[in-house]
Amino acid sequence: MSYTVTSKGTVTIPAEVRRKYGIRKGSKVEFIETEEGILIVPIPRFEELFGVDREYRDRILQMVRDLEKERREEAAHEKSEL
């Protein structure tokens, strides 16, 4: 298989490869340089890494967002005290 790189540096990953490796819109991939060339490796989503069921995914993501918000607010408060 050979594909053309666009002027913006993008290459289309063939549909059969995307299906095989679970790559879809918004998926992250990593480029790894080897002696032979470049490997494109899909980065698993958070829930795939830890086997999180879909019913708990939203709760976990909301907890992470809440923690991030709390830390931003604490940092802003500390900065205002300076």
PDB file of N, CA and C in Angstrom:
ATOM      1  N   MET A   1       0.836  -1.181   0.000  1.00  0.00           N
ATOM      2  CA  MET A   1       0.000   0.000   0.000  1.00  0.00           C
ATOM      3  C   MET A   1       0.878   1.239   0.000  1.00  0.00           C
ATOM      4  N   SER A   2       0.525   2.193  -0.820  1.00  0.00           N
ATOM      5  CA  SER A   2       1.232   3.464  -0.801  1.00  0.00           C
ATOM      6  C   SER A   2       0.212   4.581  -0.907  1.00  0.00           C
ATOM      7  N   TYR A   3       0.434   5.644  -0.136  1.00  0.00           N
ATOM      8  CA  TYR A   3      -0.509   6.754  -0.066  1.00  0.00           C
ATOM      9  C   TYR A   3       0.256   8.062  -0.148  1.00  0.00           C
ATOM     10  N   THR A   4      -0.434   9.120  -0.527  1.00  0.00           N
ATOM     11  CA  THR A   4       0.180  10.427  -0.714  1.00  0.00           C
ATOM     12  C   THR A   4      -0.041  11.299   0.518  1.00  0.00           C
ATOM     13  N   VAL A   5       1.008  11.997   0.925  1.00  0.00           N
ATOM     14  CA  VAL A   5       0.921  12.954   2.023  1.00  0.00           C
ATOM     15  C   VAL A   5       0.424  14.274   1.435  1.00  0.00           C
ATOM     16  N   THR A   6      -0.589  14.880   2.063  1.00  0.00           N
ATOM     17  CA  THR A   6      -1.138  16.143   1.560  1.00  0.00           C
ATOM     18  C   THR A   6      -0.230  17.311   1.941  1.00  0.00           C
ATOM     19  N   SER A   7      -0.550  18.491   1.422  1.00  0.00           N
ATOM     20  CA  SER A   7       0.234  19.688   1.745  1.00  0.00           C
ATOM     21  C   SER A   7       0.166  20.024   3.230  1.00  0.00           C
ATOM     22  N   LYS A   8      -0.867  19.546   3.926  1.00  0.00           N
ATOM     23  CA  LYS A   8      -0.993  19.767   5.369  1.00  0.00           C
ATOM     24  C   LYS A   8      -0.330  18.654   6.179  1.00  0.00           C
ATOM     25  N   GLY A   9       0.283  17.694   5.501  1.00  0.00           N
ATOM     26  CA  GLY A   9       0.983  16.613   6.189  1.00  0.00           C
ATOM     27  C   GLY A   9       0.096  15.461   6.614  1.00  0.00           C
ATOM     28  N   THR A  10      -1.103  15.374   6.078  1.00  0.00           N
ATOM     29  CA  THR A  10      -1.999  14.287   6.470  1.00  0.00           C
ATOM     30  C   THR A  10      -1.965  13.140   5.472  1.00  0.00           C
ATOM     31  N   VAL A  11      -2.258  11.956   5.996  1.00  0.00           N
ATOM     32  CA  VAL A  11      -2.364  10.747   5.180  1.00  0.00           C
ATOM     33  C   VAL A  11      -3.640  10.041   5.626  1.00  0.00           C
ATOM     34  N   THR A  12      -4.414   9.540   4.696  1.00  0.00           N
ATOM     35  CA  THR A  12      -5.624   8.802   5.037  1.00  0.00           C
ATOM     36  C   THR A  12      -5.256   7.368   5.379  1.00  0.00           C
ATOM     37  N   ILE A  13      -5.709   6.922   6.554  1.00  0.00           N
ATOM     38  CA  ILE A  13      -5.502   5.527   6.949  1.00  0.00           C
ATOM     39  C   ILE A  13      -6.625   4.723   6.297  1.00  0.00           C
ATOM     40  N   PRO A  14      -6.289   3.674   5.551  1.00  0.00           N
ATOM     41  CA  PRO A  14      -7.318   2.893   4.854  1.00  0.00           C
ATOM     42  C   PRO A  14      -8.383   2.357   5.818  1.00  0.00           C
ATOM     43  N   ALA A  15      -9.625   2.314   5.339  1.00  0.00           N
ATOM     44  CA  ALA A  15     -10.758   1.874   6.161  1.00  0.00           C
ATOM     45  C   ALA A  15     -10.524   0.498   6.772  1.00  0.00           C
ATOM     46  N   GLU A  16      -9.975  -0.439   6.000  1.00  0.00           N
ATOM     47  CA  GLU A  16      -9.764  -1.797   6.531  1.00  0.00           C
ATOM     48  C   GLU A  16      -8.773  -1.789   7.689  1.00  0.00           C
ATOM     49  N   VAL A  17      -7.770  -0.929   7.628  1.00  0.00           N
ATOM     50  CA  VAL A  17      -6.785  -0.822   8.714  1.00  0.00           C
ATOM     51  C   VAL A  17      -7.432  -0.165   9.930  1.00  0.00           C
ATOM     52  N   ARG A  18      -8.229   0.881   9.701  1.00  0.00           N
ATOM     53  CA  ARG A  18      -8.921   1.547  10.815  1.00  0.00           C
ATOM     54  C   ARG A  18      -9.843   0.566  11.532  1.00  0.00           C
ATOM     55  N   ARG A  19     -10.590  -0.215  10.769  1.00  0.00           N
ATOM     56  CA  ARG A  19     -11.494  -1.210  11.376  1.00  0.00           C
ATOM     57  C   ARG A  19     -10.706  -2.242  12.179  1.00  0.00           C
ATOM     58  N   LYS A  20      -9.649  -2.756  11.585  1.00  0.00           N
ATOM     59  CA  LYS A  20      -8.861  -3.817  12.225  1.00  0.00           C
ATOM     60  C   LYS A  20      -8.285  -3.367  13.562  1.00  0.00           C
ATOM     61  N   TYR A  21      -7.850  -2.102  13.638  1.00  0.00           N
ATOM     62  CA  TYR A  21      -7.186  -1.609  14.844  1.00  0.00           C
ATOM     63  C   TYR A  21      -8.063  -0.685  15.685  1.00  0.00           C
ATOM     64  N   GLY A  22      -9.337  -0.592  15.339  1.00  0.00           N
ATOM     65  CA  GLY A  22     -10.268   0.203  16.141  1.00  0.00           C
ATOM     66  C   GLY A  22      -9.989   1.696  16.113  1.00  0.00           C
ATOM     67  N   ILE A  23      -9.441   2.175  15.013  1.00  0.00           N
ATOM     68  CA  ILE A  23      -9.145   3.601  14.879  1.00  0.00           C
ATOM     69  C   ILE A  23     -10.369   4.278  14.268  1.00  0.00           C
ATOM     70  N   ARG A  24     -10.868   5.299  14.952  1.00  0.00           N
ATOM     71  CA  ARG A  24     -12.014   6.044  14.424  1.00  0.00           C
ATOM     72  C   ARG A  24     -11.786   7.536  14.636  1.00  0.00           C
ATOM     73  N   LYS A  25     -12.714   8.347  14.171  1.00  0.00           N
ATOM     74  CA  LYS A  25     -12.577   9.795  14.305  1.00  0.00           C
ATOM     75  C   LYS A  25     -12.276  10.149  15.758  1.00  0.00           C
ATOM     76  N   GLY A  26     -11.247  10.943  15.969  1.00  0.00           N
ATOM     77  CA  GLY A  26     -10.863  11.349  17.315  1.00  0.00           C
ATOM     78  C   GLY A  26      -9.862  10.423  17.982  1.00  0.00           C
ATOM     79  N   SER A  27      -9.585   9.263  17.390  1.00  0.00           N
ATOM     80  CA  SER A  27      -8.599   8.345  17.966  1.00  0.00           C
ATOM     81  C   SER A  27      -7.221   8.989  17.944  1.00  0.00           C
ATOM     82  N   LYS A  28      -6.403   8.620  18.905  1.00  0.00           N
ATOM     83  CA  LYS A  28      -5.026   9.097  18.969  1.00  0.00           C
ATOM     84  C   LYS A  28      -4.106   7.996  18.461  1.00  0.00           C
ATOM     85  N   VAL A  29      -3.054   8.396  17.757  1.00  0.00           N
ATOM     86  CA  VAL A  29      -2.025   7.458  17.314  1.00  0.00           C
ATOM     87  C   VAL A  29      -0.667   8.031  17.680  1.00  0.00           C
ATOM     88  N   GLU A  30       0.302   7.153  17.810  1.00  0.00           N
ATOM     89  CA  GLU A  30       1.671   7.555  18.124  1.00  0.00           C
ATOM     90  C   GLU A  30       2.559   7.158  16.957  1.00  0.00           C
ATOM     91  N   PHE A  31       3.511   8.025  16.627  1.00  0.00           N
ATOM     92  CA  PHE A  31       4.484   7.728  15.584  1.00  0.00           C
ATOM     93  C   PHE A  31       5.776   7.310  16.268  1.00  0.00           C
ATOM     94  N   ILE A  32       6.260   6.116  15.944  1.00  0.00           N
ATOM     95  CA  ILE A  32       7.483   5.585  16.539  1.00  0.00           C
ATOM     96  C   ILE A  32       8.494   5.370  15.429  1.00  0.00           C
ATOM     97  N   GLU A  33       9.650   6.010  15.575  1.00  0.00           N
ATOM     98  CA  GLU A  33      10.708   5.855  14.578  1.00  0.00           C
ATOM     99  C   GLU A  33      11.487   4.577  14.852  1.00  0.00           C
ATOM    100  N   THR A  34      11.731   3.801  13.797  1.00  0.00           N
ATOM    101  CA  THR A  34      12.540   2.592  13.894  1.00  0.00           C
ATOM    102  C   THR A  34      13.636   2.679  12.840  1.00  0.00           C
ATOM    103  N   GLU A  35      14.534   1.721  12.850  1.00  0.00           N
ATOM    104  CA  GLU A  35      15.589   1.705  11.835  1.00  0.00           C
ATOM    105  C   GLU A  35      15.007   1.484  10.441  1.00  0.00           C
ATOM    106  N   GLU A  36      13.863   0.796  10.375  1.00  0.00           N
ATOM    107  CA  GLU A  36      13.246   0.491   9.089  1.00  0.00           C
ATOM    108  C   GLU A  36      12.312   1.587   8.591  1.00  0.00           C
ATOM    109  N   GLY A  37      11.889   2.486   9.465  1.00  0.00           N
ATOM    110  CA  GLY A  37      10.944   3.529   9.066  1.00  0.00           C
ATOM    111  C   GLY A  37      10.125   4.009  10.246  1.00  0.00           C
ATOM    112  N   ILE A  38       8.850   4.225  10.012  1.00  0.00           N
ATOM    113  CA  ILE A  38       7.960   4.764  11.039  1.00  0.00           C
ATOM    114  C   ILE A  38       6.822   3.778  11.293  1.00  0.00           C
ATOM    115  N   LEU A  39       6.538   3.536  12.576  1.00  0.00           N
ATOM    116  CA  LEU A  39       5.372   2.742  12.971  1.00  0.00           C
ATOM    117  C   LEU A  39       4.284   3.704  13.418  1.00  0.00           C
ATOM    118  N   ILE A  40       3.062   3.448  13.033  1.00  0.00           N
ATOM    119  CA  ILE A  40       1.920   4.212  13.524  1.00  0.00           C
ATOM    120  C   ILE A  40       1.157   3.281  14.456  1.00  0.00           C
ATOM    121  N   VAL A  41       1.120   3.640  15.738  1.00  0.00           N
ATOM    122  CA  VAL A  41       0.539   2.769  16.753  1.00  0.00           C
ATOM    123  C   VAL A  41      -0.681   3.447  17.377  1.00  0.00           C
ATOM    124  N   PRO A  42      -1.847   2.792  17.352  1.00  0.00           N
ATOM    125  CA  PRO A  42      -3.024   3.380  17.995  1.00  0.00           C
ATOM    126  C   PRO A  42      -2.827   3.445  19.507  1.00  0.00           C
ATOM    127  N   ILE A  43      -3.253   4.548  20.113  1.00  0.00           N
ATOM    128  CA  ILE A  43      -3.202   4.693  21.566  1.00  0.00           C
ATOM    129  C   ILE A  43      -4.583   4.325  22.095  1.00  0.00           C
ATOM    130  N   PRO A  44      -4.658   3.314  22.956  1.00  0.00           N
ATOM    131  CA  PRO A  44      -5.969   2.889  23.457  1.00  0.00           C
ATOM    132  C   PRO A  44      -6.643   3.987  24.275  1.00  0.00           C
ATOM    133  N   ARG A  45      -7.964   4.013  24.233  1.00  0.00           N
ATOM    134  CA  ARG A  45      -8.722   4.963  25.038  1.00  0.00           C
ATOM    135  C   ARG A  45      -8.635   4.554  26.498  1.00  0.00           C
ATOM    136  N   PHE A  46      -8.889   5.505  27.390  1.00  0.00           N
ATOM    137  CA  PHE A  46      -8.805   5.297  28.831  1.00  0.00           C
ATOM    138  C   PHE A  46      -9.556   4.045  29.271  1.00  0.00           C
ATOM    139  N   GLU A  47     -10.813   3.928  28.854  1.00  0.00           N
ATOM    140  CA  GLU A  47     -11.621   2.797  29.313  1.00  0.00           C
ATOM    141  C   GLU A  47     -11.130   1.466  28.767  1.00  0.00           C
ATOM    142  N   GLU A  48     -10.465   1.477  27.608  1.00  0.00           N
ATOM    143  CA  GLU A  48      -9.909   0.244  27.061  1.00  0.00           C
ATOM    144  C   GLU A  48      -8.702  -0.211  27.874  1.00  0.00           C
ATOM    145  N   LEU A  49      -7.947   0.747  28.386  1.00  0.00           N
ATOM    146  CA  LEU A  49      -6.773   0.401  29.185  1.00  0.00           C
ATOM    147  C   LEU A  49      -7.150  -0.308  30.472  1.00  0.00           C
ATOM    148  N   PHE A  50      -8.207   0.139  31.108  1.00  0.00           N
ATOM    149  CA  PHE A  50      -8.558  -0.369  32.421  1.00  0.00           C
ATOM    150  C   PHE A  50      -9.802  -1.245  32.418  1.00  0.00           C
ATOM    151  N   GLY A  51     -10.330  -1.543  31.243  1.00  0.00           N
ATOM    152  CA  GLY A  51     -11.499  -2.403  31.164  1.00  0.00           C
ATOM    153  C   GLY A  51     -12.739  -1.807  31.811  1.00  0.00           C
ATOM    154  N   VAL A  52     -12.864  -0.502  31.765  1.00  0.00           N
ATOM    155  CA  VAL A  52     -13.987   0.166  32.397  1.00  0.00           C
ATOM    156  C   VAL A  52     -15.259  -0.070  31.585  1.00  0.00           C
ATOM    157  N   ASP A  53     -16.305  -0.475  32.258  1.00  0.00           N
ATOM    158  CA  ASP A  53     -17.597  -0.647  31.595  1.00  0.00           C
ATOM    159  C   ASP A  53     -18.147   0.706  31.176  1.00  0.00           C
ATOM    160  N   ARG A  54     -18.926   0.713  30.124  1.00  0.00           N
ATOM    161  CA  ARG A  54     -19.501   1.966  29.614  1.00  0.00           C
ATOM    162  C   ARG A  54     -20.333   2.689  30.672  1.00  0.00           C
ATOM    163  N   GLU A  55     -21.034   1.931  31.521  1.00  0.00           N
ATOM    164  CA  GLU A  55     -21.903   2.586  32.500  1.00  0.00           C
ATOM    165  C   GLU A  55     -21.102   3.411  33.506  1.00  0.00           C
ATOM    166  N   TYR A  56     -19.848   3.050  33.736  1.00  0.00           N
ATOM    167  CA  TYR A  56     -19.026   3.790  34.689  1.00  0.00           C
ATOM    168  C   TYR A  56     -18.163   4.850  34.028  1.00  0.00           C
ATOM    169  N   ARG A  57     -18.016   4.772  32.715  1.00  0.00           N
ATOM    170  CA  ARG A  57     -17.140   5.696  31.997  1.00  0.00           C
ATOM    171  C   ARG A  57     -17.502   7.155  32.261  1.00  0.00           C
ATOM    172  N   ASP A  58     -18.767   7.504  32.101  1.00  0.00           N
ATOM    173  CA  ASP A  58     -19.184   8.891  32.273  1.00  0.00           C
ATOM    174  C   ASP A  58     -18.935   9.377  33.694  1.00  0.00           C
ATOM    175  N   ARG A  59     -19.167   8.508  34.673  1.00  0.00           N
ATOM    176  CA  ARG A  59     -18.920   8.902  36.061  1.00  0.00           C
ATOM    177  C   ARG A  59     -17.440   9.163  36.306  1.00  0.00           C
ATOM    178  N   ILE A  60     -16.589   8.297  35.779  1.00  0.00           N
ATOM    179  CA  ILE A  60     -15.149   8.459  35.962  1.00  0.00           C
ATOM    180  C   ILE A  60     -14.667   9.726  35.270  1.00  0.00           C
ATOM    181  N   LEU A  61     -15.109   9.938  34.038  1.00  0.00           N
ATOM    182  CA  LEU A  61     -14.697  11.141  33.316  1.00  0.00           C
ATOM    183  C   LEU A  61     -15.185  12.400  34.021  1.00  0.00           C
ATOM    184  N   GLN A  62     -16.391  12.372  34.583  1.00  0.00           N
ATOM    185  CA  GLN A  62     -16.902  13.535  35.313  1.00  0.00           C
ATOM    186  C   GLN A  62     -16.070  13.780  36.571  1.00  0.00           C
ATOM    187  N   MET A  63     -15.665  12.718  37.264  1.00  0.00           N
ATOM    188  CA  MET A  63     -14.818  12.886  38.446  1.00  0.00           C
ATOM    189  C   MET A  63     -13.486  13.518  38.072  1.00  0.00           C
ATOM    190  N   VAL A  64     -12.917  13.094  36.956  1.00  0.00           N
ATOM    191  CA  VAL A  64     -11.655  13.674  36.490  1.00  0.00           C
ATOM    192  C   VAL A  64     -11.856  15.151  36.174  1.00  0.00           C
ATOM    193  N   ARG A  65     -12.935  15.484  35.477  1.00  0.00           N
ATOM    194  CA  ARG A  65     -13.227  16.896  35.158  1.00  0.00           C
ATOM    195  C   ARG A  65     -13.411  17.712  36.433  1.00  0.00           C
ATOM    196  N   ASP A  66     -14.125  17.153  37.416  1.00  0.00           N
ATOM    197  CA  ASP A  66     -14.336  17.858  38.680  1.00  0.00           C
ATOM    198  C   ASP A  66     -13.015  18.116  39.397  1.00  0.00           C
ATOM    199  N   LEU A  67     -12.139  17.109  39.400  1.00  0.00           N
ATOM    200  CA  LEU A  67     -10.823  17.291  40.023  1.00  0.00           C
ATOM    201  C   LEU A  67     -10.015  18.368  39.312  1.00  0.00           C
ATOM    202  N   GLU A  68     -10.038  18.344  37.983  1.00  0.00           N
ATOM    203  CA  GLU A  68      -9.313  19.361  37.221  1.00  0.00           C
ATOM    204  C   GLU A  68      -9.851  20.751  37.533  1.00  0.00           C
ATOM    205  N   LYS A  69     -11.170  20.892  37.597  1.00  0.00           N
ATOM    206  CA  LYS A  69     -11.791  22.184  37.904  1.00  0.00           C
ATOM    207  C   LYS A  69     -11.389  22.643  39.300  1.00  0.00           C
ATOM    208  N   GLU A  70     -11.436  21.732  40.259  1.00  0.00           N
ATOM    209  CA  GLU A  70     -11.071  22.060  41.633  1.00  0.00           C
ATOM    210  C   GLU A  70      -9.621  22.522  41.719  1.00  0.00           C
ATOM    211  N   ARG A  71      -8.738  21.845  41.018  1.00  0.00           N
ATOM    212  CA  ARG A  71      -7.321  22.236  41.035  1.00  0.00           C
ATOM    213  C   ARG A  71      -7.109  23.593  40.379  1.00  0.00           C
ATOM    214  N   ARG A  72      -7.828  23.857  39.278  1.00  0.00           N
ATOM    215  CA  ARG A  72      -7.721  25.176  38.636  1.00  0.00           C
ATOM    216  C   ARG A  72      -8.197  26.270  39.582  1.00  0.00           C
ATOM    217  N   GLU A  73      -9.313  26.027  40.284  1.00  0.00           N
ATOM    218  CA  GLU A  73      -9.847  27.011  41.225  1.00  0.00           C
ATOM    219  C   GLU A  73      -8.881  27.242  42.382  1.00  0.00           C
ATOM    220  N   GLU A  74      -8.284  26.172  42.901  1.00  0.00           N
ATOM    221  CA  GLU A  74      -7.307  26.311  43.981  1.00  0.00           C
ATOM    222  C   GLU A  74      -6.093  27.104  43.522  1.00  0.00           C
ATOM    223  N   ALA A  75      -5.621  26.818  42.305  1.00  0.00           N
ATOM    224  CA  ALA A  75      -4.461  27.538  41.770  1.00  0.00           C
ATOM    225  C   ALA A  75      -4.790  29.016  41.593  1.00  0.00           C
ATOM    226  N   ALA A  76      -5.984  29.324  41.105  1.00  0.00           N
ATOM    227  CA  ALA A  76      -6.393  30.721  40.926  1.00  0.00           C
ATOM    228  C   ALA A  76      -6.497  31.418  42.275  1.00  0.00           C
ATOM    229  N   HIS A  77      -7.019  30.723  43.277  1.00  0.00           N
ATOM    230  CA  HIS A  77      -7.143  31.292  44.620  1.00  0.00           C
ATOM    231  C   HIS A  77      -5.762  31.583  45.213  1.00  0.00           C
ATOM    232  N   GLU A  78      -4.850  30.621  45.077  1.00  0.00           N
ATOM    233  CA  GLU A  78      -3.487  30.817  45.585  1.00  0.00           C
ATOM    234  C   GLU A  78      -2.800  31.974  44.875  1.00  0.00           C
ATOM    235  N   LYS A  79      -3.015  32.081  43.573  1.00  0.00           N
ATOM    236  CA  LYS A  79      -2.404  33.158  42.796  1.00  0.00           C
ATOM    237  C   LYS A  79      -2.951  34.512  43.237  1.00  0.00           C
ATOM    238  N   SER A  80      -4.243  34.576  43.548  1.00  0.00           N
ATOM    239  CA  SER A  80      -4.847  35.848  43.960  1.00  0.00           C
ATOM    240  C   SER A  80      -4.367  36.286  45.339  1.00  0.00           C
ATOM    241  N   GLU A  81      -3.906  35.340  46.148  1.00  0.00           N
ATOM    242  CA  GLU A  81      -3.401  35.677  47.478  1.00  0.00           C
ATOM    243  C   GLU A  81      -1.998  36.256  47.435  1.00  0.00           C
ATOM    244  N   LEU A  82      -1.303  36.109  46.310  1.00  0.00           N
ATOM    245  CA  LEU A  82       0.069  36.618  46.189  1.00  0.00           C
ATOM    246  C   LEU A  82       0.109  38.079  46.023  1.00  0.00           C
TER     247      LEU A  82
END
